Amino acid sequence: MDRERQVMEIEWEGGHRSTYSGEQLRWACPCAECRGEAGAPGRLARVKTLAPEELRVQDVSLIGQYALQIAFQSGHATGLYTFSLLRSLCACGECARTRN
């Protein structure tokens, strides 16, 4: 994670590289508070903007061998970003073509 530029890069097996901005990661947070639960919409479905401190990554931790926990400057850190989720978020042309 390059905290100054707020960019995280992952090099996957096979050499593919994915790049994510702090903002992209925050809007993709998979936690129940952000996505919703029990049929209720989450916070990210109810807001159009987030404060700058909510978009700045403060720390990234490996959870087992399957996910990253991303902590934002605002203190939000409950989302576990599985590697399959992160790969699905890759916005490069190659990944976009395989999703379509």
PDB file of N, CA and C in Angstrom:
ATOM      1  N   MET A   1       0.853  -1.176   0.000  1.00  0.00           N
ATOM      2  CA  MET A   1       0.000   0.000   0.000  1.00  0.00           C
ATOM      3  C   MET A   1       0.889   1.225   0.000  1.00  0.00           C
ATOM      4  N   ASP A   2       0.713   2.071  -0.965  1.00  0.00           N
ATOM      5  CA  ASP A   2       1.410   3.356  -1.018  1.00  0.00           C
ATOM      6  C   ASP A   2       0.485   4.379  -0.365  1.00  0.00           C
ATOM      7  N   ARG A   3       0.722   4.672   0.908  1.00  0.00           N
ATOM      8  CA  ARG A   3      -0.186   5.557   1.655  1.00  0.00           C
ATOM      9  C   ARG A   3      -0.163   6.987   1.127  1.00  0.00           C
ATOM     10  N   GLU A   4       0.975   7.432   0.666  1.00  0.00           N
ATOM     11  CA  GLU A   4       1.050   8.804   0.152  1.00  0.00           C
ATOM     12  C   GLU A   4       0.156   8.977  -1.070  1.00  0.00           C
ATOM     13  N   ARG A   5       0.237   8.043  -1.990  1.00  0.00           N
ATOM     14  CA  ARG A   5      -0.570   8.116  -3.215  1.00  0.00           C
ATOM     15  C   ARG A   5      -1.954   7.499  -3.037  1.00  0.00           C
ATOM     16  N   GLN A   6      -2.173   6.785  -1.910  1.00  0.00           N
ATOM     17  CA  GLN A   6      -3.433   6.099  -1.647  1.00  0.00           C
ATOM     18  C   GLN A   6      -3.771   5.104  -2.755  1.00  0.00           C
ATOM     19  N   VAL A   7      -2.781   4.261  -3.064  1.00  0.00           N
ATOM     20  CA  VAL A   7      -2.934   3.239  -4.095  1.00  0.00           C
ATOM     21  C   VAL A   7      -2.409   1.913  -3.544  1.00  0.00           C
ATOM     22  N   MET A   8      -3.192   0.865  -3.732  1.00  0.00           N
ATOM     23  CA  MET A   8      -2.767  -0.476  -3.355  1.00  0.00           C
ATOM     24  C   MET A   8      -2.647  -1.304  -4.627  1.00  0.00           C
ATOM     25  N   GLU A   9      -1.549  -2.019  -4.747  1.00  0.00           N
ATOM     26  CA  GLU A   9      -1.337  -2.863  -5.917  1.00  0.00           C
ATOM     27  C   GLU A   9      -1.153  -4.300  -5.457  1.00  0.00           C
ATOM     28  N   ILE A  10      -1.795  -5.217  -6.163  1.00  0.00           N
ATOM     29  CA  ILE A  10      -1.658  -6.643  -5.900  1.00  0.00           C
ATOM     30  C   ILE A  10      -1.126  -7.302  -7.151  1.00  0.00           C
ATOM     31  N   GLU A  11      -0.097  -8.113  -6.977  1.00  0.00           N
ATOM     32  CA  GLU A  11       0.376  -8.941  -8.086  1.00  0.00           C
ATOM     33  C   GLU A  11      -0.125 -10.351  -7.822  1.00  0.00           C
ATOM     34  N   TRP A  12      -0.980 -10.829  -8.719  1.00  0.00           N
ATOM     35  CA  TRP A  12      -1.611 -12.134  -8.578  1.00  0.00           C
ATOM     36  C   TRP A  12      -0.703 -13.220  -9.140  1.00  0.00           C
ATOM     37  N   GLU A  13      -1.007 -14.465  -8.771  1.00  0.00           N
ATOM     38  CA  GLU A  13      -0.302 -15.584  -9.397  1.00  0.00           C
ATOM     39  C   GLU A  13      -0.505 -15.469 -10.898  1.00  0.00           C
ATOM     40  N   GLY A  14       0.504 -15.744 -11.643  1.00  0.00           N
ATOM     41  CA  GLY A  14       0.420 -15.610 -13.090  1.00  0.00           C
ATOM     42  C   GLY A  14       0.902 -14.256 -13.577  1.00  0.00           C
ATOM     43  N   GLY A  15       1.203 -13.337 -12.637  1.00  0.00           N
ATOM     44  CA  GLY A  15       1.790 -12.063 -13.014  1.00  0.00           C
ATOM     45  C   GLY A  15       0.817 -10.910 -13.231  1.00  0.00           C
ATOM     46  N   HIS A  16      -0.483 -11.168 -13.212  1.00  0.00           N
ATOM     47  CA  HIS A  16      -1.438 -10.075 -13.402  1.00  0.00           C
ATOM     48  C   HIS A  16      -1.349  -9.095 -12.235  1.00  0.00           C
ATOM     49  N   ARG A  17      -1.441  -7.799 -12.527  1.00  0.00           N
ATOM     50  CA  ARG A  17      -1.406  -6.765 -11.494  1.00  0.00           C
ATOM     51  C   ARG A  17      -2.723  -6.002 -11.484  1.00  0.00           C
ATOM     52  N   SER A  18      -3.229  -5.777 -10.279  1.00  0.00           N
ATOM     53  CA  SER A  18      -4.444  -4.980 -10.091  1.00  0.00           C
ATOM     54  C   SER A  18      -4.087  -3.794  -9.209  1.00  0.00           C
ATOM     55  N   THR A  19      -4.644  -2.641  -9.532  1.00  0.00           N
ATOM     56  CA  THR A  19      -4.397  -1.425  -8.775  1.00  0.00           C
ATOM     57  C   THR A  19      -5.725  -0.876  -8.279  1.00  0.00           C
ATOM     58  N   TYR A  20      -5.753  -0.505  -6.988  1.00  0.00           N
ATOM     59  CA  TYR A  20      -6.974  -0.011  -6.356  1.00  0.00           C
ATOM     60  C   TYR A  20      -6.685   1.295  -5.634  1.00  0.00           C
ATOM     61  N   SER A  21      -7.578   2.253  -5.755  1.00  0.00           N
ATOM     62  CA  SER A  21      -7.452   3.496  -4.990  1.00  0.00           C
ATOM     63  C   SER A  21      -8.134   3.306  -3.637  1.00  0.00           C
ATOM     64  N   GLY A  22      -7.762   4.125  -2.667  1.00  0.00           N
ATOM     65  CA  GLY A  22      -8.426   4.089  -1.377  1.00  0.00           C
ATOM     66  C   GLY A  22      -9.915   4.340  -1.518  1.00  0.00           C
ATOM     67  N   GLU A  23     -10.270   5.259  -2.384  1.00  0.00           N
ATOM     68  CA  GLU A  23     -11.686   5.568  -2.605  1.00  0.00           C
ATOM     69  C   GLU A  23     -12.428   4.360  -3.168  1.00  0.00           C
ATOM     70  N   GLN A  24     -11.843   3.693  -4.143  1.00  0.00           N
ATOM     71  CA  GLN A  24     -12.475   2.505  -4.729  1.00  0.00           C
ATOM     72  C   GLN A  24     -12.678   1.428  -3.657  1.00  0.00           C
ATOM     73  N   LEU A  25     -11.670   1.226  -2.825  1.00  0.00           N
ATOM     74  CA  LEU A  25     -11.773   0.212  -1.782  1.00  0.00           C
ATOM     75  C   LEU A  25     -12.854   0.557  -0.761  1.00  0.00           C
ATOM     76  N   ARG A  26     -12.944   1.825  -0.385  1.00  0.00           N
ATOM     77  CA  ARG A  26     -13.945   2.221   0.618  1.00  0.00           C
ATOM     78  C   ARG A  26     -15.360   2.022   0.096  1.00  0.00           C
ATOM     79  N   TRP A  27     -15.611   2.416  -1.153  1.00  0.00           N
ATOM     80  CA  TRP A  27     -16.954   2.253  -1.718  1.00  0.00           C
ATOM     81  C   TRP A  27     -17.301   0.785  -1.951  1.00  0.00           C
ATOM     82  N   ALA A  28     -16.299  -0.089  -1.954  1.00  0.00           N
ATOM     83  CA  ALA A  28     -16.540  -1.519  -2.151  1.00  0.00           C
ATOM     84  C   ALA A  28     -16.570  -2.294  -0.839  1.00  0.00           C
ATOM     85  N   CYS A  29     -16.525  -1.593   0.290  1.00  0.00           N
ATOM     86  CA  CYS A  29     -16.471  -2.272   1.587  1.00  0.00           C
ATOM     87  C   CYS A  29     -17.588  -3.314   1.696  1.00  0.00           C
ATOM     88  N   PRO A  30     -17.226  -4.562   2.013  1.00  0.00           N
ATOM     89  CA  PRO A  30     -18.225  -5.629   2.059  1.00  0.00           C
ATOM     90  C   PRO A  30     -18.884  -5.850   3.420  1.00  0.00           C
ATOM     91  N   CYS A  31     -18.601  -5.019   4.408  1.00  0.00           N
ATOM     92  CA  CYS A  31     -19.138  -5.273   5.751  1.00  0.00           C
ATOM     93  C   CYS A  31     -20.655  -5.052   5.793  1.00  0.00           C
ATOM     94  N   ALA A  32     -21.295  -5.595   6.820  1.00  0.00           N
ATOM     95  CA  ALA A  32     -22.755  -5.489   6.967  1.00  0.00           C
ATOM     96  C   ALA A  32     -23.202  -4.039   7.141  1.00  0.00           C
ATOM     97  N   GLU A  33     -22.429  -3.235   7.849  1.00  0.00           N
ATOM     98  CA  GLU A  33     -22.797  -1.823   8.023  1.00  0.00           C
ATOM     99  C   GLU A  33     -22.872  -1.108   6.671  1.00  0.00           C
ATOM    100  N   CYS A  34     -21.935  -1.394   5.813  1.00  0.00           N
ATOM    101  CA  CYS A  34     -21.883  -0.719   4.507  1.00  0.00           C
ATOM    102  C   CYS A  34     -22.816  -1.330   3.477  1.00  0.00           C
ATOM    103  N   ARG A  35     -22.946  -2.652   3.450  1.00  0.00           N
ATOM    104  CA  ARG A  35     -23.748  -3.349   2.446  1.00  0.00           C
ATOM    105  C   ARG A  35     -25.179  -3.591   2.878  1.00  0.00           C
ATOM    106  N   GLY A  36     -25.402  -3.629   4.190  1.00  0.00           N
ATOM    107  CA  GLY A  36     -26.734  -3.919   4.702  1.00  0.00           C
ATOM    108  C   GLY A  36     -26.836  -5.350   5.174  1.00  0.00           C
ATOM    109  N   GLU A  37     -27.894  -5.597   5.918  1.00  0.00           N
ATOM    110  CA  GLU A  37     -28.152  -6.954   6.411  1.00  0.00           C
ATOM    111  C   GLU A  37     -29.625  -7.075   6.772  1.00  0.00           C
ATOM    112  N   ALA A  38     -30.109  -8.298   6.817  1.00  0.00           N
ATOM    113  CA  ALA A  38     -31.499  -8.598   7.172  1.00  0.00           C
ATOM    114  C   ALA A  38     -32.490  -7.793   6.327  1.00  0.00           C
ATOM    115  N   GLY A  39     -32.151  -7.590   5.055  1.00  0.00           N
ATOM    116  CA  GLY A  39     -33.047  -6.890   4.145  1.00  0.00           C
ATOM    117  C   GLY A  39     -32.975  -5.378   4.208  1.00  0.00           C
ATOM    118  N   ALA A  40     -32.215  -4.838   5.137  1.00  0.00           N
ATOM    119  CA  ALA A  40     -32.079  -3.377   5.245  1.00  0.00           C
ATOM    120  C   ALA A  40     -30.872  -2.920   4.433  1.00  0.00           C
ATOM    121  N   PRO A  41     -31.000  -1.808   3.709  1.00  0.00           N
ATOM    122  CA  PRO A  41     -29.858  -1.327   2.923  1.00  0.00           C
ATOM    123  C   PRO A  41     -28.748  -0.829   3.839  1.00  0.00           C
ATOM    124  N   GLY A  42     -27.537  -0.960   3.365  1.00  0.00           N
ATOM    125  CA  GLY A  42     -26.382  -0.496   4.122  1.00  0.00           C
ATOM    126  C   GLY A  42     -26.129   0.988   3.936  1.00  0.00           C
ATOM    127  N   ARG A  43     -25.194   1.484   4.695  1.00  0.00           N
ATOM    128  CA  ARG A  43     -24.869   2.905   4.682  1.00  0.00           C
ATOM    129  C   ARG A  43     -24.460   3.394   3.295  1.00  0.00           C
ATOM    130  N   LEU A  44     -23.688   2.594   2.566  1.00  0.00           N
ATOM    131  CA  LEU A  44     -23.199   3.053   1.261  1.00  0.00           C
ATOM    132  C   LEU A  44     -24.307   3.176   0.225  1.00  0.00           C
ATOM    133  N   ALA A  45     -25.419   2.529   0.455  1.00  0.00           N
ATOM    134  CA  ALA A  45     -26.574   2.673  -0.440  1.00  0.00           C
ATOM    135  C   ALA A  45     -27.362   3.940  -0.126  1.00  0.00           C
ATOM    136  N   ARG A  46     -27.120   4.515   1.045  1.00  0.00           N
ATOM    137  CA  ARG A  46     -27.892   5.674   1.478  1.00  0.00           C
ATOM    138  C   ARG A  46     -27.150   7.000   1.348  1.00  0.00           C
ATOM    139  N   VAL A  47     -25.857   6.965   1.042  1.00  0.00           N
ATOM    140  CA  VAL A  47     -25.090   8.209   0.930  1.00  0.00           C
ATOM    141  C   VAL A  47     -24.524   8.350  -0.476  1.00  0.00           C
ATOM    142  N   LYS A  48     -24.287   9.576  -0.873  1.00  0.00           N
ATOM    143  CA  LYS A  48     -23.705   9.837  -2.200  1.00  0.00           C
ATOM    144  C   LYS A  48     -22.234  10.245  -2.108  1.00  0.00           C
ATOM    145  N   THR A  49     -21.829  10.739  -0.930  1.00  0.00           N
ATOM    146  CA  THR A  49     -20.446  11.159  -0.734  1.00  0.00           C
ATOM    147  C   THR A  49     -19.952  10.668   0.620  1.00  0.00           C
ATOM    148  N   LEU A  50     -18.640  10.581   0.733  1.00  0.00           N
ATOM    149  CA  LEU A  50     -17.996  10.222   1.988  1.00  0.00           C
ATOM    150  C   LEU A  50     -16.933  11.275   2.288  1.00  0.00           C
ATOM    151  N   ALA A  51     -16.722  11.535   3.556  1.00  0.00           N
ATOM    152  CA  ALA A  51     -15.713  12.505   3.974  1.00  0.00           C
ATOM    153  C   ALA A  51     -14.322  12.006   3.566  1.00  0.00           C
ATOM    154  N   PRO A  52     -13.382  12.913   3.320  1.00  0.00           N
ATOM    155  CA  PRO A  52     -12.037  12.514   2.901  1.00  0.00           C
ATOM    156  C   PRO A  52     -11.375  11.489   3.818  1.00  0.00           C
ATOM    157  N   GLU A  53     -11.568  11.604   5.142  1.00  0.00           N
ATOM    158  CA  GLU A  53     -10.923  10.649   6.053  1.00  0.00           C
ATOM    159  C   GLU A  53     -11.527   9.250   5.931  1.00  0.00           C
ATOM    160  N   GLU A  54     -12.727   9.144   5.367  1.00  0.00           N
ATOM    161  CA  GLU A  54     -13.323   7.833   5.135  1.00  0.00           C
ATOM    162  C   GLU A  54     -12.739   7.155   3.897  1.00  0.00           C
ATOM    163  N   LEU A  55     -12.089   7.908   3.051  1.00  0.00           N
ATOM    164  CA  LEU A  55     -11.555   7.380   1.792  1.00  0.00           C
ATOM    165  C   LEU A  55     -10.053   7.095   1.862  1.00  0.00           C
ATOM    166  N   ARG A  56      -9.401   7.507   2.943  1.00  0.00           N
ATOM    167  CA  ARG A  56      -7.950   7.344   3.076  1.00  0.00           C
ATOM    168  C   ARG A  56      -7.625   6.074   3.852  1.00  0.00           C
ATOM    169  N   VAL A  57      -6.876   5.179   3.216  1.00  0.00           N
ATOM    170  CA  VAL A  57      -6.455   3.938   3.854  1.00  0.00           C
ATOM    171  C   VAL A  57      -5.362   4.251   4.870  1.00  0.00           C
ATOM    172  N   GLN A  58      -5.544   3.716   6.063  1.00  0.00           N
ATOM    173  CA  GLN A  58      -4.551   3.898   7.115  1.00  0.00           C
ATOM    174  C   GLN A  58      -3.686   2.654   7.278  1.00  0.00           C
ATOM    175  N   ASP A  59      -4.305   1.465   7.148  1.00  0.00           N
ATOM    176  CA  ASP A  59      -3.571   0.230   7.373  1.00  0.00           C
ATOM    177  C   ASP A  59      -4.232  -0.913   6.611  1.00  0.00           C
ATOM    178  N   VAL A  60      -3.421  -1.914   6.270  1.00  0.00           N
ATOM    179  CA  VAL A  60      -3.914  -3.121   5.604  1.00  0.00           C
ATOM    180  C   VAL A  60      -3.302  -4.314   6.323  1.00  0.00           C
ATOM    181  N   SER A  61      -4.148  -5.279   6.697  1.00  0.00           N
ATOM    182  CA  SER A  61      -3.675  -6.477   7.404  1.00  0.00           C
ATOM    183  C   SER A  61      -4.141  -7.721   6.664  1.00  0.00           C
ATOM    184  N   LEU A  62      -3.266  -8.712   6.619  1.00  0.00           N
ATOM    185  CA  LEU A  62      -3.614 -10.003   6.032  1.00  0.00           C
ATOM    186  C   LEU A  62      -4.430 -10.795   7.045  1.00  0.00           C
ATOM    187  N   ILE A  63      -5.560 -11.353   6.608  1.00  0.00           N
ATOM    188  CA  ILE A  63      -6.415 -12.201   7.432  1.00  0.00           C
ATOM    189  C   ILE A  63      -6.309 -13.612   6.873  1.00  0.00           C
ATOM    190  N   GLY A  64      -5.660 -14.483   7.617  1.00  0.00           N
ATOM    191  CA  GLY A  64      -5.436 -15.842   7.128  1.00  0.00           C
ATOM    192  C   GLY A  64      -4.734 -15.797   5.781  1.00  0.00           C
ATOM    193  N   GLN A  65      -5.182 -16.642   4.888  1.00  0.00           N
ATOM    194  CA  GLN A  65      -4.651 -16.659   3.524  1.00  0.00           C
ATOM    195  C   GLN A  65      -5.743 -16.343   2.515  1.00  0.00           C
ATOM    196  N   TYR A  66      -6.807 -15.641   2.985  1.00  0.00           N
ATOM    197  CA  TYR A  66      -7.949 -15.449   2.097  1.00  0.00           C
ATOM    198  C   TYR A  66      -8.434 -14.016   1.968  1.00  0.00           C
ATOM    199  N   ALA A  67      -7.966 -13.091   2.812  1.00  0.00           N
ATOM    200  CA  ALA A  67      -8.550 -11.749   2.779  1.00  0.00           C
ATOM    201  C   ALA A  67      -7.597 -10.697   3.338  1.00  0.00           C
ATOM    202  N   LEU A  68      -7.941  -9.444   3.056  1.00  0.00           N
ATOM    203  CA  LEU A  68      -7.264  -8.292   3.644  1.00  0.00           C
ATOM    204  C   LEU A  68      -8.295  -7.524   4.462  1.00  0.00           C
ATOM    205  N   GLN A  69      -7.872  -7.047   5.616  1.00  0.00           N
ATOM    206  CA  GLN A  69      -8.700  -6.142   6.405  1.00  0.00           C
ATOM    207  C   GLN A  69      -8.116  -4.753   6.198  1.00  0.00           C
ATOM    208  N   ILE A  70      -8.947  -3.841   5.725  1.00  0.00           N
ATOM    209  CA  ILE A  70      -8.485  -2.499   5.395  1.00  0.00           C
ATOM    210  C   ILE A  70      -9.061  -1.525   6.398  1.00  0.00           C
ATOM    211  N   ALA A  71      -8.176  -0.788   7.054  1.00  0.00           N
ATOM    212  CA  ALA A  71      -8.574   0.220   8.036  1.00  0.00           C
ATOM    213  C   ALA A  71      -8.441   1.595   7.398  1.00  0.00           C
ATOM    214  N   PHE A  72      -9.491   2.382   7.530  1.00  0.00           N
ATOM    215  CA  PHE A  72      -9.504   3.725   6.964  1.00  0.00           C
ATOM    216  C   PHE A  72      -9.230   4.754   8.056  1.00  0.00           C
ATOM    217  N   GLN A  73      -8.797   5.913   7.657  1.00  0.00           N
ATOM    218  CA  GLN A  73      -8.428   6.974   8.586  1.00  0.00           C
ATOM    219  C   GLN A  73      -9.585   7.346   9.516  1.00  0.00           C
ATOM    220  N   SER A  74     -10.801   7.158   9.077  1.00  0.00           N
ATOM    221  CA  SER A  74     -11.987   7.476   9.884  1.00  0.00           C
ATOM    222  C   SER A  74     -12.193   6.494  11.035  1.00  0.00           C
ATOM    223  N   GLY A  75     -11.466   5.374  11.013  1.00  0.00           N
ATOM    224  CA  GLY A  75     -11.633   4.339  12.021  1.00  0.00           C
ATOM    225  C   GLY A  75     -12.418   3.133  11.522  1.00  0.00           C
ATOM    226  N   HIS A  76     -13.040   3.242  10.368  1.00  0.00           N
ATOM    227  CA  HIS A  76     -13.802   2.119   9.812  1.00  0.00           C
ATOM    228  C   HIS A  76     -12.829   1.014   9.394  1.00  0.00           C
ATOM    229  N   ALA A  77     -13.047  -0.196   9.925  1.00  0.00           N
ATOM    230  CA  ALA A  77     -12.124  -1.293   9.624  1.00  0.00           C
ATOM    231  C   ALA A  77     -12.792  -2.655   9.735  1.00  0.00           C
ATOM    232  N   THR A  78     -14.084  -2.745   9.503  1.00  0.00           N
ATOM    233  CA  THR A  78     -14.783  -4.015   9.709  1.00  0.00           C
ATOM    234  C   THR A  78     -14.909  -4.877   8.461  1.00  0.00           C
ATOM    235  N   GLY A  79     -14.574  -4.341   7.304  1.00  0.00           N
ATOM    236  CA  GLY A  79     -14.713  -5.119   6.075  1.00  0.00           C
ATOM    237  C   GLY A  79     -13.554  -6.066   5.846  1.00  0.00           C
ATOM    238  N   LEU A  80     -13.868  -7.304   5.489  1.00  0.00           N
ATOM    239  CA  LEU A  80     -12.846  -8.262   5.080  1.00  0.00           C
ATOM    240  C   LEU A  80     -12.953  -8.412   3.568  1.00  0.00           C
ATOM    241  N   TYR A  81     -11.934  -7.960   2.883  1.00  0.00           N
ATOM    242  CA  TYR A  81     -11.888  -7.979   1.427  1.00  0.00           C
ATOM    243  C   TYR A  81     -11.235  -9.283   0.997  1.00  0.00           C
ATOM    244  N   THR A  82     -12.052 -10.275   0.628  1.00  0.00           N
ATOM    245  CA  THR A  82     -11.482 -11.552   0.191  1.00  0.00           C
ATOM    246  C   THR A  82     -10.703 -11.323  -1.096  1.00  0.00           C
ATOM    247  N   PHE A  83      -9.759 -12.216  -1.342  1.00  0.00           N
ATOM    248  CA  PHE A  83      -8.986 -12.068  -2.564  1.00  0.00           C
ATOM    249  C   PHE A  83      -9.866 -12.233  -3.800  1.00  0.00           C
ATOM    250  N   SER A  84     -10.911 -13.062  -3.711  1.00  0.00           N
ATOM    251  CA  SER A  84     -11.811 -13.184  -4.865  1.00  0.00           C
ATOM    252  C   SER A  84     -12.584 -11.884  -5.086  1.00  0.00           C
ATOM    253  N   LEU A  85     -12.995 -11.205  -4.002  1.00  0.00           N
ATOM    254  CA  LEU A  85     -13.644  -9.900  -4.152  1.00  0.00           C
ATOM    255  C   LEU A  85     -12.685  -8.898  -4.782  1.00  0.00           C
ATOM    256  N   LEU A  86     -11.475  -8.840  -4.281  1.00  0.00           N
ATOM    257  CA  LEU A  86     -10.500  -7.889  -4.828  1.00  0.00           C
ATOM    258  C   LEU A  86     -10.238  -8.153  -6.304  1.00  0.00           C
ATOM    259  N   ARG A  87     -10.127  -9.408  -6.682  1.00  0.00           N
ATOM    260  CA  ARG A  87      -9.894  -9.710  -8.103  1.00  0.00           C
ATOM    261  C   ARG A  87     -11.086  -9.270  -8.938  1.00  0.00           C
ATOM    262  N   SER A  88     -12.299  -9.435  -8.403  1.00  0.00           N
ATOM    263  CA  SER A  88     -13.502  -9.027  -9.150  1.00  0.00           C
ATOM    264  C   SER A  88     -13.599  -7.510  -9.288  1.00  0.00           C
ATOM    265  N   LEU A  89     -12.931  -6.771  -8.420  1.00  0.00           N
ATOM    266  CA  LEU A  89     -12.945  -5.308  -8.481  1.00  0.00           C
ATOM    267  C   LEU A  89     -11.902  -4.740  -9.442  1.00  0.00           C
ATOM    268  N   CYS A  90     -11.020  -5.579  -9.962  1.00  0.00           N
ATOM    269  CA  CYS A  90      -9.973  -5.096 -10.859  1.00  0.00           C
ATOM    270  C   CYS A  90     -10.610  -4.407 -12.067  1.00  0.00           C
ATOM    271  N   ALA A  91     -10.194  -3.175 -12.299  1.00  0.00           N
ATOM    272  CA  ALA A  91     -10.814  -2.358 -13.356  1.00  0.00           C
ATOM    273  C   ALA A  91     -10.006  -2.338 -14.653  1.00  0.00           C
ATOM    274  N   CYS A  92      -8.980  -3.171 -14.747  1.00  0.00           N
ATOM    275  CA  CYS A  92      -8.165  -3.144 -15.967  1.00  0.00           C
ATOM    276  C   CYS A  92      -8.973  -3.670 -17.158  1.00  0.00           C
ATOM    277  N   GLY A  93      -8.535  -3.349 -18.334  1.00  0.00           N
ATOM    278  CA  GLY A  93      -9.227  -3.777 -19.554  1.00  0.00           C
ATOM    279  C   GLY A  93      -9.336  -5.272 -19.697  1.00  0.00           C
ATOM    280  N   GLU A  94      -8.287  -5.977 -19.337  1.00  0.00           N
ATOM    281  CA  GLU A  94      -8.290  -7.447 -19.443  1.00  0.00           C
ATOM    282  C   GLU A  94      -9.380  -8.052 -18.564  1.00  0.00           C
ATOM    283  N   CYS A  95      -9.471  -7.617 -17.328  1.00  0.00           N
ATOM    284  CA  CYS A  95     -10.493  -8.162 -16.404  1.00  0.00           C
ATOM    285  C   CYS A  95     -11.893  -7.723 -16.826  1.00  0.00           C
ATOM    286  N   ALA A  96     -12.034  -6.511 -17.310  1.00  0.00           N
ATOM    287  CA  ALA A  96     -13.337  -6.024 -17.761  1.00  0.00           C
ATOM    288  C   ALA A  96     -13.849  -6.886 -18.926  1.00  0.00           C
ATOM    289  N   ARG A  97     -12.961  -7.259 -19.839  1.00  0.00           N
ATOM    290  CA  ARG A  97     -13.364  -8.095 -20.976  1.00  0.00           C
ATOM    291  C   ARG A  97     -13.820  -9.478 -20.531  1.00  0.00           C
ATOM    292  N   THR A  98     -13.152 -10.056 -19.530  1.00  0.00           N
ATOM    293  CA  THR A  98     -13.526 -11.404 -19.094  1.00  0.00           C
ATOM    294  C   THR A  98     -14.832 -11.408 -18.289  1.00  0.00           C
ATOM    295  N   ARG A  99     -15.202 -10.265 -17.707  1.00  0.00           N
ATOM    296  CA  ARG A  99     -16.468 -10.180 -16.970  1.00  0.00           C
ATOM    297  C   ARG A  99     -17.648  -9.999 -17.920  1.00  0.00           C
ATOM    298  N   ASN A 100     -17.417  -9.473 -19.093  1.00  0.00           N
ATOM    299  CA  ASN A 100     -18.522  -9.207 -20.037  1.00  0.00           C
ATOM    300  C   ASN A 100     -18.780 -10.350 -20.949  1.00  0.00           C
TER     301      ASN A 100
END
